[in-house]
N, C-alpha and C. Protein backbone atom coordinates (compact mmCIF):
# COMPACT_ATOMS: atom_id res chain seq x y z
N MET A 1 104.30 111.34 99.69
CA MET A 1 104.27 112.17 100.99
C MET A 1 105.81 112.37 101.21
N THR A 2 106.31 113.45 101.78
CA THR A 2 107.55 113.58 102.01
C THR A 2 108.35 112.56 103.16
N HIS A 3 107.56 111.98 103.69
CA HIS A 3 108.04 110.68 104.86
C HIS A 3 108.08 109.42 104.00
N TYR A 4 107.61 109.70 102.76
CA TYR A 4 107.57 107.96 102.10
C TYR A 4 107.96 108.43 100.73
N PRO A 5 109.22 108.99 100.51
CA PRO A 5 109.84 109.34 99.12
C PRO A 5 110.04 108.12 98.21
N GLU A 6 110.08 106.88 98.52
CA GLU A 6 110.41 105.67 98.02
C GLU A 6 109.24 104.96 97.62
N ARG A 7 107.78 105.46 98.02
CA ARG A 7 106.52 104.86 97.59
C ARG A 7 106.01 105.72 96.69
N ASN A 8 105.48 104.60 95.88
CA ASN A 8 104.33 105.29 94.60
C ASN A 8 102.91 105.21 95.10
N PRO A 9 102.41 106.57 94.60
CA PRO A 9 101.21 106.48 95.54
C PRO A 9 100.04 105.63 94.80
N GLU A 10 100.53 105.23 93.41
CA GLU A 10 99.68 104.22 92.68
C GLU A 10 99.90 102.92 93.04
N ASP A 11 100.87 102.52 93.94
CA ASP A 11 100.97 101.14 94.46
C ASP A 11 100.47 101.03 95.77
N VAL A 12 99.90 102.12 96.32
CA VAL A 12 99.58 102.05 97.73
C VAL A 12 97.94 101.94 98.12
N GLY A 13 97.43 101.05 98.49
CA GLY A 13 95.95 100.73 98.52
C GLY A 13 95.52 101.50 99.87
N LEU A 14 94.27 101.56 100.28
CA LEU A 14 93.66 102.63 101.09
C LEU A 14 93.98 102.33 102.40
N GLN A 15 93.79 101.03 102.61
CA GLN A 15 94.15 100.52 104.22
C GLN A 15 95.66 100.78 104.44
N GLU A 16 96.67 100.56 103.55
CA GLU A 16 98.13 100.92 103.61
C GLU A 16 98.16 102.36 103.67
N LEU A 17 97.49 103.02 102.94
CA LEU A 17 97.71 104.72 102.83
C LEU A 17 97.25 105.15 104.36
N ALA A 18 95.98 104.31 105.21
CA ALA A 18 95.64 104.82 106.47
C ALA A 18 96.64 104.63 107.44
N GLU A 19 97.45 103.49 107.32
CA GLU A 19 98.38 103.14 108.10
C GLU A 19 99.55 104.15 107.83
N LEU A 20 99.98 104.34 106.87
CA LEU A 20 101.16 105.43 106.44
C LEU A 20 100.75 106.74 107.35
N VAL A 21 99.45 107.24 107.00
CA VAL A 21 99.01 108.45 107.37
C VAL A 21 99.11 108.73 109.03
N GLU A 22 98.70 107.50 109.43
CA GLU A 22 98.44 107.52 111.07
C GLU A 22 99.61 107.37 111.71
N SER A 23 100.91 106.89 110.90
CA SER A 23 102.18 106.67 111.50
C SER A 23 103.12 107.80 111.52
N LEU A 24 102.45 108.81 110.79
CA LEU A 24 103.20 110.00 110.43
C LEU A 24 103.61 110.94 111.80
N PRO A 25 104.76 111.23 112.13
CA PRO A 25 104.80 112.36 113.14
C PRO A 25 103.66 113.53 113.73
N GLY A 26 103.46 113.47 114.48
CA GLY A 26 102.41 114.49 114.60
C GLY A 26 100.86 114.03 114.61
N PHE A 27 100.90 113.24 113.84
CA PHE A 27 99.28 112.72 113.79
C PHE A 27 98.75 112.34 114.90
N ASP A 28 97.81 113.03 115.17
CA ASP A 28 96.92 113.09 116.73
C ASP A 28 95.23 112.77 116.42
N ASP A 29 94.88 112.83 115.17
CA ASP A 29 93.56 112.72 114.95
C ASP A 29 93.05 111.55 115.38
N ASP A 30 91.68 111.15 115.25
CA ASP A 30 91.04 110.11 115.75
C ASP A 30 91.13 109.11 114.31
N PRO A 31 91.80 108.05 114.33
CA PRO A 31 91.73 106.94 113.27
C PRO A 31 90.43 106.55 113.00
N ALA A 32 89.50 106.58 113.77
CA ALA A 32 88.13 106.12 113.65
C ALA A 32 87.48 107.07 112.70
N MET A 33 87.71 108.25 112.57
CA MET A 33 87.13 109.31 111.88
C MET A 33 87.37 109.52 110.41
N VAL A 34 88.35 108.46 110.14
CA VAL A 34 89.24 108.59 108.55
C VAL A 34 88.25 107.61 107.76
N THR A 35 87.80 108.32 106.53
CA THR A 35 86.85 107.67 105.51
C THR A 35 87.40 107.42 104.33
N GLU A 36 86.77 106.73 103.41
CA GLU A 36 87.32 106.40 102.17
C GLU A 36 87.46 107.60 101.14
N ARG A 37 86.56 108.63 101.53
CA ARG A 37 86.87 109.96 100.79
C ARG A 37 88.08 110.47 101.37
N ILE A 38 88.30 110.73 102.16
CA ILE A 38 89.37 111.42 102.91
C ILE A 38 90.73 110.53 101.92
N LEU A 39 90.66 109.59 102.35
CA LEU A 39 91.99 108.59 101.90
C LEU A 39 92.01 109.00 100.49
N LEU A 40 91.15 108.92 99.81
CA LEU A 40 91.25 109.03 98.13
C LEU A 40 91.78 110.70 98.07
N ASP A 41 91.28 111.39 98.82
CA ASP A 41 91.57 112.81 98.71
C ASP A 41 93.18 113.00 98.88
N ILE A 42 93.51 112.18 100.15
CA ILE A 42 95.10 112.38 100.39
C ILE A 42 95.82 111.63 99.20
N GLN A 43 95.27 110.51 98.67
CA GLN A 43 96.11 110.04 97.36
C GLN A 43 95.97 110.62 96.28
N THR A 44 95.00 111.63 96.11
CA THR A 44 94.97 112.28 94.96
C THR A 44 96.18 113.08 94.74
N VAL A 45 96.14 113.76 96.00
CA VAL A 45 97.26 115.29 96.40
C VAL A 45 98.36 114.55 96.37
N TRP A 46 98.69 113.43 96.90
CA TRP A 46 99.89 112.93 96.73
C TRP A 46 100.34 112.43 95.58
N TYR A 47 99.54 111.86 94.71
CA TYR A 47 99.76 111.55 93.05
C TYR A 47 100.19 112.80 92.53
N GLU A 48 99.67 113.86 92.47
CA GLU A 48 99.67 115.07 91.89
C GLU A 48 100.89 115.87 92.21
N GLU A 49 101.51 115.61 93.44
CA GLU A 49 102.48 116.28 93.87
C GLU A 49 104.13 115.19 93.42
N ALA A 50 103.53 113.98 93.52
CA ALA A 50 104.70 113.09 93.00
C ALA A 50 104.76 113.05 91.57
N THR A 51 103.83 113.67 90.84
CA THR A 51 103.86 113.55 89.34
C THR A 51 103.85 115.01 88.77
N ASN A 52 104.23 115.87 89.74
CA ASN A 52 104.09 117.30 89.45
C ASN A 52 103.16 117.88 88.53
N LEU A 53 101.94 117.32 88.67
CA LEU A 53 100.91 117.99 87.82
C LEU A 53 100.37 119.52 88.54
């Protein structure tokens, strides 16, 4: 993610990823609506961007 360039998506667990996403500027969604599937999708896109896939 742009806001966490020092982080490796492979080293971030889903709970930590949820916390990182919720702390992003402008995040105003309901954290209770976050599912494992959504977090996995975010992590996949983050990995693809980080590795230029």
